[in-house]
């Protein structure tokens, strides 16, 4: 970041996010993650039997190693990606509810994307009437 700030000729106290924006750059850890995942993909899709056996052995090992760290990274990224996807869907869902003319009253009755309690409580006939 110091190098980037020197290139732009700004103070060292300048906002880091502004520097990223000006240079169109991402933090270095993102590039590192991309390279790690690229190497992991190369190993996974390799036809080399020894490489695959070494990788599987590392995963089964009791020691903390590169393969386990990559698995943790991918699990974490997957969870973050799912959270973002769910959040985006919830926002889109709410915008569609608010902008729809056919369910204009619904937005006053329902404000969150969650299962309604009456679905578990009411018998089937009443549940159907309530849903309609």
N, C-alpha and C. Protein backbone atom coordinates (compact mmCIF):
# COMPACT_ATOMS: atom_id res chain seq x y z
N UNK A 1 0.83 -1.18 0.00
CA UNK A 1 0.00 0.00 0.00
C UNK A 1 0.88 1.25 0.00
N UNK A 2 2.00 1.17 0.70
CA UNK A 2 2.93 2.31 0.71
C UNK A 2 3.40 2.63 -0.70
N UNK A 3 3.72 1.61 -1.47
CA UNK A 3 4.15 1.80 -2.86
C UNK A 3 3.04 2.47 -3.68
N UNK A 4 1.82 1.99 -3.50
CA UNK A 4 0.68 2.55 -4.25
C UNK A 4 0.48 4.03 -3.90
N UNK A 5 0.63 4.36 -2.63
CA UNK A 5 0.46 5.75 -2.21
C UNK A 5 1.59 6.62 -2.77
N UNK A 6 2.79 6.05 -2.87
CA UNK A 6 3.90 6.80 -3.45
C UNK A 6 3.68 7.05 -4.94
N UNK A 7 3.14 6.06 -5.62
CA UNK A 7 2.86 6.23 -7.06
C UNK A 7 1.90 7.39 -7.28
N UNK A 8 0.87 7.47 -6.43
CA UNK A 8 -0.12 8.53 -6.57
C UNK A 8 0.35 9.86 -5.99
N UNK A 9 1.39 9.81 -5.16
CA UNK A 9 1.91 11.03 -4.55
C UNK A 9 1.00 11.59 -3.48
N UNK A 10 0.36 10.71 -2.73
CA UNK A 10 -0.54 11.16 -1.66
C UNK A 10 0.10 10.89 -0.30
N UNK A 11 -0.51 11.44 0.74
CA UNK A 11 0.00 11.23 2.09
C UNK A 11 -0.16 9.77 2.51
N UNK A 12 0.66 9.36 3.46
CA UNK A 12 0.56 7.99 3.95
C UNK A 12 -0.72 7.76 4.74
N UNK A 13 -1.36 8.85 5.18
CA UNK A 13 -2.61 8.73 5.94
C UNK A 13 -3.85 8.71 5.04
N UNK A 14 -3.65 8.77 3.72
CA UNK A 14 -4.78 8.75 2.79
C UNK A 14 -5.54 7.43 2.91
N UNK A 15 -6.85 7.52 2.78
CA UNK A 15 -7.73 6.36 2.92
C UNK A 15 -7.33 5.24 1.94
N UNK A 16 -7.13 4.06 2.49
CA UNK A 16 -6.72 2.91 1.69
C UNK A 16 -7.75 2.55 0.63
N UNK A 17 -9.02 2.64 0.97
CA UNK A 17 -10.07 2.30 0.01
C UNK A 17 -10.05 3.25 -1.19
N UNK A 18 -9.71 4.51 -0.95
CA UNK A 18 -9.60 5.47 -2.04
C UNK A 18 -8.45 5.09 -2.97
N UNK A 19 -7.37 4.60 -2.40
CA UNK A 19 -6.22 4.18 -3.20
C UNK A 19 -6.61 2.98 -4.08
N UNK A 20 -7.30 2.00 -3.48
CA UNK A 20 -7.77 0.86 -4.27
C UNK A 20 -8.64 1.33 -5.43
N UNK A 21 -9.52 2.27 -5.15
CA UNK A 21 -10.41 2.79 -6.17
C UNK A 21 -9.68 3.51 -7.28
N UNK A 22 -8.73 4.33 -6.90
CA UNK A 22 -7.97 5.10 -7.91
C UNK A 22 -7.15 4.20 -8.81
N UNK A 23 -6.55 3.18 -8.24
CA UNK A 23 -5.67 2.31 -9.02
C UNK A 23 -6.39 1.09 -9.59
N UNK A 24 -7.66 0.92 -9.22
CA UNK A 24 -8.41 -0.24 -9.71
C UNK A 24 -7.79 -1.54 -9.25
N UNK A 25 -7.30 -1.54 -8.02
CA UNK A 25 -6.62 -2.71 -7.48
C UNK A 25 -7.43 -3.35 -6.37
N UNK A 26 -7.08 -4.57 -6.07
CA UNK A 26 -7.66 -5.30 -4.95
C UNK A 26 -6.56 -5.52 -3.92
N UNK A 27 -6.92 -5.80 -2.68
CA UNK A 27 -5.89 -6.13 -1.68
C UNK A 27 -5.09 -7.35 -2.13
N UNK A 28 -3.84 -7.43 -1.71
CA UNK A 28 -2.95 -8.50 -2.15
C UNK A 28 -3.43 -9.88 -1.73
N UNK A 29 -4.16 -9.97 -0.62
CA UNK A 29 -4.61 -11.29 -0.18
C UNK A 29 -5.56 -11.92 -1.19
N UNK A 30 -6.30 -11.10 -1.94
CA UNK A 30 -7.21 -11.65 -2.94
C UNK A 30 -6.42 -12.30 -4.07
N UNK A 31 -5.35 -11.66 -4.51
CA UNK A 31 -4.49 -12.28 -5.53
C UNK A 31 -3.86 -13.56 -5.01
N UNK A 32 -3.45 -13.54 -3.73
CA UNK A 32 -2.86 -14.74 -3.13
C UNK A 32 -3.88 -15.88 -3.11
N UNK A 33 -5.13 -15.57 -2.73
CA UNK A 33 -6.19 -16.59 -2.70
C UNK A 33 -6.44 -17.14 -4.11
N UNK A 34 -6.43 -16.26 -5.12
CA UNK A 34 -6.63 -16.71 -6.50
C UNK A 34 -5.54 -17.70 -6.91
N UNK A 35 -4.30 -17.39 -6.56
CA UNK A 35 -3.20 -18.29 -6.91
C UNK A 35 -3.30 -19.63 -6.17
N UNK A 36 -3.67 -19.57 -4.90
CA UNK A 36 -3.81 -20.80 -4.11
C UNK A 36 -4.89 -21.69 -4.72
N UNK A 37 -6.02 -21.09 -5.07
CA UNK A 37 -7.12 -21.86 -5.65
C UNK A 37 -6.74 -22.40 -7.03
N UNK A 38 -5.97 -21.62 -7.79
CA UNK A 38 -5.51 -22.07 -9.10
C UNK A 38 -4.61 -23.30 -8.97
N UNK A 39 -3.69 -23.28 -8.00
CA UNK A 39 -2.81 -24.43 -7.77
C UNK A 39 -3.63 -25.63 -7.31
N UNK A 40 -4.60 -25.39 -6.43
CA UNK A 40 -5.47 -26.45 -5.93
C UNK A 40 -6.22 -27.10 -7.09
N UNK A 41 -6.78 -26.28 -7.98
CA UNK A 41 -7.50 -26.81 -9.15
C UNK A 41 -6.58 -27.64 -10.04
N UNK A 42 -5.35 -27.18 -10.20
CA UNK A 42 -4.37 -27.92 -11.00
C UNK A 42 -4.13 -29.30 -10.40
N UNK A 43 -4.02 -29.35 -9.07
CA UNK A 43 -3.81 -30.63 -8.39
C UNK A 43 -5.03 -31.52 -8.52
N UNK A 44 -6.20 -30.98 -8.28
CA UNK A 44 -7.44 -31.76 -8.31
C UNK A 44 -7.69 -32.35 -9.70
N UNK A 45 -7.45 -31.57 -10.73
CA UNK A 45 -7.73 -32.02 -12.09
C UNK A 45 -6.53 -32.66 -12.78
N UNK A 46 -5.48 -32.89 -12.03
CA UNK A 46 -4.27 -33.50 -12.58
C UNK A 46 -4.50 -34.99 -12.83
N UNK A 47 -3.87 -35.51 -13.87
CA UNK A 47 -3.91 -36.95 -14.16
C UNK A 47 -2.74 -37.66 -13.50
N UNK A 48 -1.90 -36.92 -12.82
CA UNK A 48 -0.71 -37.47 -12.18
C UNK A 48 -1.11 -38.17 -10.88
N UNK A 49 -0.95 -39.46 -10.82
CA UNK A 49 -1.41 -40.27 -9.69
C UNK A 49 -0.67 -39.92 -8.41
N UNK A 50 0.64 -39.69 -8.49
CA UNK A 50 1.43 -39.39 -7.29
C UNK A 50 0.97 -38.08 -6.65
N UNK A 51 0.74 -37.06 -7.47
CA UNK A 51 0.28 -35.77 -6.94
C UNK A 51 -1.05 -35.95 -6.22
N UNK A 52 -1.97 -36.71 -6.82
CA UNK A 52 -3.29 -36.92 -6.20
C UNK A 52 -3.15 -37.68 -4.88
N UNK A 53 -2.27 -38.68 -4.85
CA UNK A 53 -2.08 -39.46 -3.61
C UNK A 53 -1.46 -38.59 -2.52
N UNK A 54 -0.50 -37.75 -2.88
CA UNK A 54 0.10 -36.84 -1.91
C UNK A 54 -0.95 -35.89 -1.34
N UNK A 55 -1.79 -35.35 -2.21
CA UNK A 55 -2.84 -34.42 -1.78
C UNK A 55 -3.81 -35.13 -0.83
N UNK A 56 -4.27 -36.30 -1.20
CA UNK A 56 -5.20 -37.05 -0.34
C UNK A 56 -4.54 -37.40 1.00
N UNK A 57 -3.25 -37.74 0.96
CA UNK A 57 -2.53 -38.04 2.19
C UNK A 57 -2.44 -36.82 3.10
N UNK A 58 -2.24 -35.65 2.50
CA UNK A 58 -2.18 -34.42 3.29
C UNK A 58 -3.53 -34.13 3.95
N UNK A 59 -4.61 -34.38 3.23
CA UNK A 59 -5.94 -34.15 3.80
C UNK A 59 -6.21 -35.09 4.97
N UNK A 60 -5.73 -36.33 4.87
CA UNK A 60 -5.97 -37.31 5.92
C UNK A 60 -4.99 -37.18 7.08
N UNK A 61 -3.93 -36.44 6.89
CA UNK A 61 -2.90 -36.28 7.91
C UNK A 61 -3.45 -35.56 9.14
N UNK A 62 -2.88 -35.88 10.29
CA UNK A 62 -3.28 -35.23 11.54
C UNK A 62 -2.66 -33.84 11.65
N UNK A 63 -1.60 -33.58 10.89
CA UNK A 63 -0.91 -32.29 10.96
C UNK A 63 -1.65 -31.21 10.18
N UNK A 64 -1.46 -29.97 10.62
CA UNK A 64 -2.00 -28.83 9.89
C UNK A 64 -1.07 -28.57 8.71
N UNK A 65 -1.61 -28.59 7.49
CA UNK A 65 -0.77 -28.43 6.31
C UNK A 65 -1.49 -27.61 5.25
N UNK A 66 -0.82 -27.46 4.11
CA UNK A 66 -1.32 -26.64 3.03
C UNK A 66 -2.70 -27.11 2.54
N UNK A 67 -2.86 -28.41 2.35
CA UNK A 67 -4.11 -28.94 1.82
C UNK A 67 -5.28 -28.63 2.76
N UNK A 68 -5.05 -28.76 4.05
CA UNK A 68 -6.12 -28.46 5.02
C UNK A 68 -6.43 -26.97 5.05
N UNK A 69 -5.40 -26.14 4.90
CA UNK A 69 -5.62 -24.70 4.87
C UNK A 69 -6.41 -24.29 3.62
N UNK A 70 -6.13 -24.92 2.49
CA UNK A 70 -6.88 -24.63 1.26
C UNK A 70 -8.33 -25.06 1.42
N UNK A 71 -8.54 -26.24 2.01
CA UNK A 71 -9.92 -26.71 2.25
C UNK A 71 -10.67 -25.74 3.14
N UNK A 72 -10.02 -25.25 4.19
CA UNK A 72 -10.63 -24.27 5.08
C UNK A 72 -10.95 -22.98 4.34
N UNK A 73 -10.01 -22.53 3.51
CA UNK A 73 -10.22 -21.32 2.72
C UNK A 73 -11.42 -21.48 1.79
N UNK A 74 -11.48 -22.61 1.08
CA UNK A 74 -12.59 -22.83 0.15
C UNK A 74 -13.92 -22.95 0.88
N UNK A 75 -13.93 -23.62 2.03
CA UNK A 75 -15.16 -23.71 2.83
C UNK A 75 -15.62 -22.32 3.27
N UNK A 76 -14.67 -21.50 3.73
CA UNK A 76 -14.99 -20.15 4.18
C UNK A 76 -15.52 -19.30 3.03
N UNK A 77 -14.84 -19.38 1.88
CA UNK A 77 -15.29 -18.61 0.72
C UNK A 77 -16.67 -19.06 0.24
N UNK A 78 -16.91 -20.37 0.31
CA UNK A 78 -18.21 -20.89 -0.10
C UNK A 78 -19.31 -20.36 0.82
N UNK A 79 -19.04 -20.36 2.13
CA UNK A 79 -20.03 -19.86 3.08
C UNK A 79 -20.28 -18.38 2.84
N UNK A 80 -19.22 -17.60 2.64
CA UNK A 80 -19.39 -16.16 2.38
C UNK A 80 -20.17 -15.93 1.09
N UNK A 81 -19.87 -16.73 0.06
CA UNK A 81 -20.57 -16.60 -1.21
C UNK A 81 -22.05 -16.91 -1.04
N UNK A 82 -22.36 -17.96 -0.28
CA UNK A 82 -23.76 -18.31 -0.05
C UNK A 82 -24.48 -17.21 0.72
N UNK A 83 -23.81 -16.62 1.71
CA UNK A 83 -24.41 -15.53 2.48
C UNK A 83 -24.72 -14.35 1.56
N UNK A 84 -23.79 -14.03 0.68
CA UNK A 84 -24.00 -12.92 -0.26
C UNK A 84 -25.16 -13.23 -1.20
N UNK A 85 -25.20 -14.47 -1.73
CA UNK A 85 -26.29 -14.85 -2.62
C UNK A 85 -27.64 -14.77 -1.92
N UNK A 86 -27.69 -15.25 -0.69
CA UNK A 86 -28.95 -15.18 0.07
C UNK A 86 -29.36 -13.75 0.32
N UNK A 87 -28.41 -12.91 0.68
CA UNK A 87 -28.71 -11.50 0.93
C UNK A 87 -29.20 -10.81 -0.34
N UNK A 88 -28.54 -11.09 -1.46
CA UNK A 88 -28.97 -10.51 -2.74
C UNK A 88 -30.38 -10.96 -3.10
N UNK A 89 -30.66 -12.25 -2.87
CA UNK A 89 -32.01 -12.74 -3.17
C UNK A 89 -33.05 -12.07 -2.29
N UNK A 90 -32.75 -11.91 -1.00
CA UNK A 90 -33.70 -11.26 -0.09
C UNK A 90 -33.98 -9.83 -0.53
N UNK A 91 -32.95 -9.12 -0.94
CA UNK A 91 -33.15 -7.74 -1.41
C UNK A 91 -33.98 -7.71 -2.69
N UNK A 92 -33.69 -8.61 -3.62
CA UNK A 92 -34.46 -8.68 -4.86
C UNK A 92 -35.90 -9.06 -4.57
N UNK A 93 -36.08 -10.03 -3.67
CA UNK A 93 -37.43 -10.46 -3.27
C UNK A 93 -38.22 -9.27 -2.74
N UNK A 94 -37.62 -8.53 -1.82
CA UNK A 94 -38.33 -7.39 -1.21
C UNK A 94 -38.64 -6.30 -2.24
N UNK A 95 -37.72 -6.03 -3.14
CA UNK A 95 -37.96 -5.03 -4.19
C UNK A 95 -39.11 -5.47 -5.10
N UNK A 96 -39.15 -6.75 -5.43
CA UNK A 96 -40.24 -7.26 -6.26
C UNK A 96 -41.58 -7.18 -5.55
N UNK A 97 -41.58 -7.46 -4.25
CA UNK A 97 -42.82 -7.36 -3.47
C UNK A 97 -43.29 -5.91 -3.45
N UNK A 98 -42.39 -4.99 -3.18
CA UNK A 98 -42.75 -3.57 -3.11
C UNK A 98 -43.20 -3.01 -4.45
N UNK A 99 -42.64 -3.49 -5.54
CA UNK A 99 -42.95 -2.95 -6.86
C UNK A 99 -44.11 -3.67 -7.56
N UNK A 100 -44.57 -4.76 -6.98
CA UNK A 100 -45.63 -5.53 -7.62
C UNK A 100 -47.00 -4.92 -7.34
N UNK A 101 -47.84 -4.89 -8.35
CA UNK A 101 -49.20 -4.38 -8.18
C UNK A 101 -50.15 -5.45 -7.69
N UNK A 102 -49.81 -6.72 -7.92
CA UNK A 102 -50.73 -7.80 -7.56
C UNK A 102 -50.67 -8.18 -6.09
N UNK A 103 -49.57 -7.89 -5.43
CA UNK A 103 -49.45 -8.23 -4.00
C UNK A 103 -49.19 -6.96 -3.17
N UNK A 104 -49.91 -5.90 -3.50
CA UNK A 104 -49.65 -4.61 -2.85
C UNK A 104 -49.94 -4.64 -1.35
N UNK A 105 -50.90 -5.43 -0.90
CA UNK A 105 -51.22 -5.51 0.53
C UNK A 105 -50.22 -6.40 1.26
N UNK A 106 -49.66 -7.36 0.54
CA UNK A 106 -48.75 -8.34 1.13
C UNK A 106 -47.55 -7.68 1.80
N UNK A 107 -47.06 -6.60 1.21
CA UNK A 107 -45.87 -5.96 1.77
C UNK A 107 -46.13 -5.36 3.16
N UNK A 108 -47.40 -5.11 3.48
CA UNK A 108 -47.74 -4.60 4.81
C UNK A 108 -47.88 -5.73 5.82
N UNK A 109 -48.10 -6.94 5.33
CA UNK A 109 -48.27 -8.10 6.21
C UNK A 109 -46.97 -8.88 6.42
N UNK A 110 -46.11 -8.79 5.45
CA UNK A 110 -44.89 -9.60 5.47
C UNK A 110 -43.69 -8.72 5.18
N UNK A 111 -42.73 -8.70 6.09
CA UNK A 111 -41.56 -7.85 5.87
C UNK A 111 -40.25 -8.63 5.81
N UNK A 112 -40.30 -9.92 6.12
CA UNK A 112 -39.06 -10.70 6.07
C UNK A 112 -39.32 -12.03 5.37
N UNK A 113 -38.27 -12.56 4.80
CA UNK A 113 -38.35 -13.83 4.09
C UNK A 113 -38.16 -14.95 5.11
N UNK A 114 -39.25 -15.38 5.70
CA UNK A 114 -39.21 -16.44 6.70
C UNK A 114 -40.53 -17.20 6.68
N UNK A 115 -40.50 -18.43 7.17
CA UNK A 115 -41.70 -19.25 7.17
C UNK A 115 -42.69 -18.71 8.20
N UNK A 116 -43.93 -18.76 7.86
CA UNK A 116 -44.98 -18.27 8.75
C UNK A 116 -45.39 -19.35 9.74
N UNK A 117 -45.69 -18.95 10.95
CA UNK A 117 -46.04 -19.89 12.02
C UNK A 117 -47.33 -20.64 11.74
N UNK A 118 -48.28 -19.98 11.07
CA UNK A 118 -49.58 -20.64 10.84
C UNK A 118 -49.45 -21.90 9.98
N UNK A 119 -48.40 -22.03 9.21
CA UNK A 119 -48.21 -23.21 8.38
C UNK A 119 -48.00 -24.47 9.20
N UNK A 120 -47.46 -24.31 10.38
CA UNK A 120 -47.26 -25.46 11.28
C UNK A 120 -48.44 -25.69 12.21
N UNK A 121 -49.22 -24.65 12.46
CA UNK A 121 -50.27 -24.72 13.48
C UNK A 121 -51.63 -25.14 12.93
N UNK A 122 -52.04 -24.52 11.84
CA UNK A 122 -53.38 -24.73 11.30
C UNK A 122 -53.53 -26.07 10.57
N UNK A 123 -54.76 -26.63 10.59
CA UNK A 123 -55.01 -27.82 9.78
C UNK A 123 -54.95 -27.47 8.29
N UNK A 124 -54.86 -28.48 7.44
CA UNK A 124 -54.63 -28.29 6.01
C UNK A 124 -55.65 -27.36 5.35
N UNK A 125 -56.94 -27.52 5.64
CA UNK A 125 -57.98 -26.70 5.01
C UNK A 125 -57.84 -25.24 5.39
N UNK A 126 -57.64 -24.98 6.67
CA UNK A 126 -57.48 -23.60 7.13
C UNK A 126 -56.19 -23.00 6.61
N UNK A 127 -55.16 -23.82 6.56
CA UNK A 127 -53.86 -23.36 6.06
C UNK A 127 -53.99 -22.90 4.62
N UNK A 128 -54.75 -23.67 3.83
CA UNK A 128 -54.95 -23.33 2.42
C UNK A 128 -55.72 -22.00 2.29
N UNK A 129 -56.76 -21.84 3.10
CA UNK A 129 -57.53 -20.59 3.07
C UNK A 129 -56.67 -19.40 3.46
N UNK A 130 -55.88 -19.56 4.49
CA UNK A 130 -55.03 -18.48 4.97
C UNK A 130 -53.99 -18.11 3.91
N UNK A 131 -53.43 -19.11 3.23
CA UNK A 131 -52.44 -18.84 2.19
C UNK A 131 -53.05 -18.09 1.02
N UNK A 132 -54.28 -18.44 0.67
CA UNK A 132 -54.95 -17.75 -0.44
C UNK A 132 -55.25 -16.33 -0.07
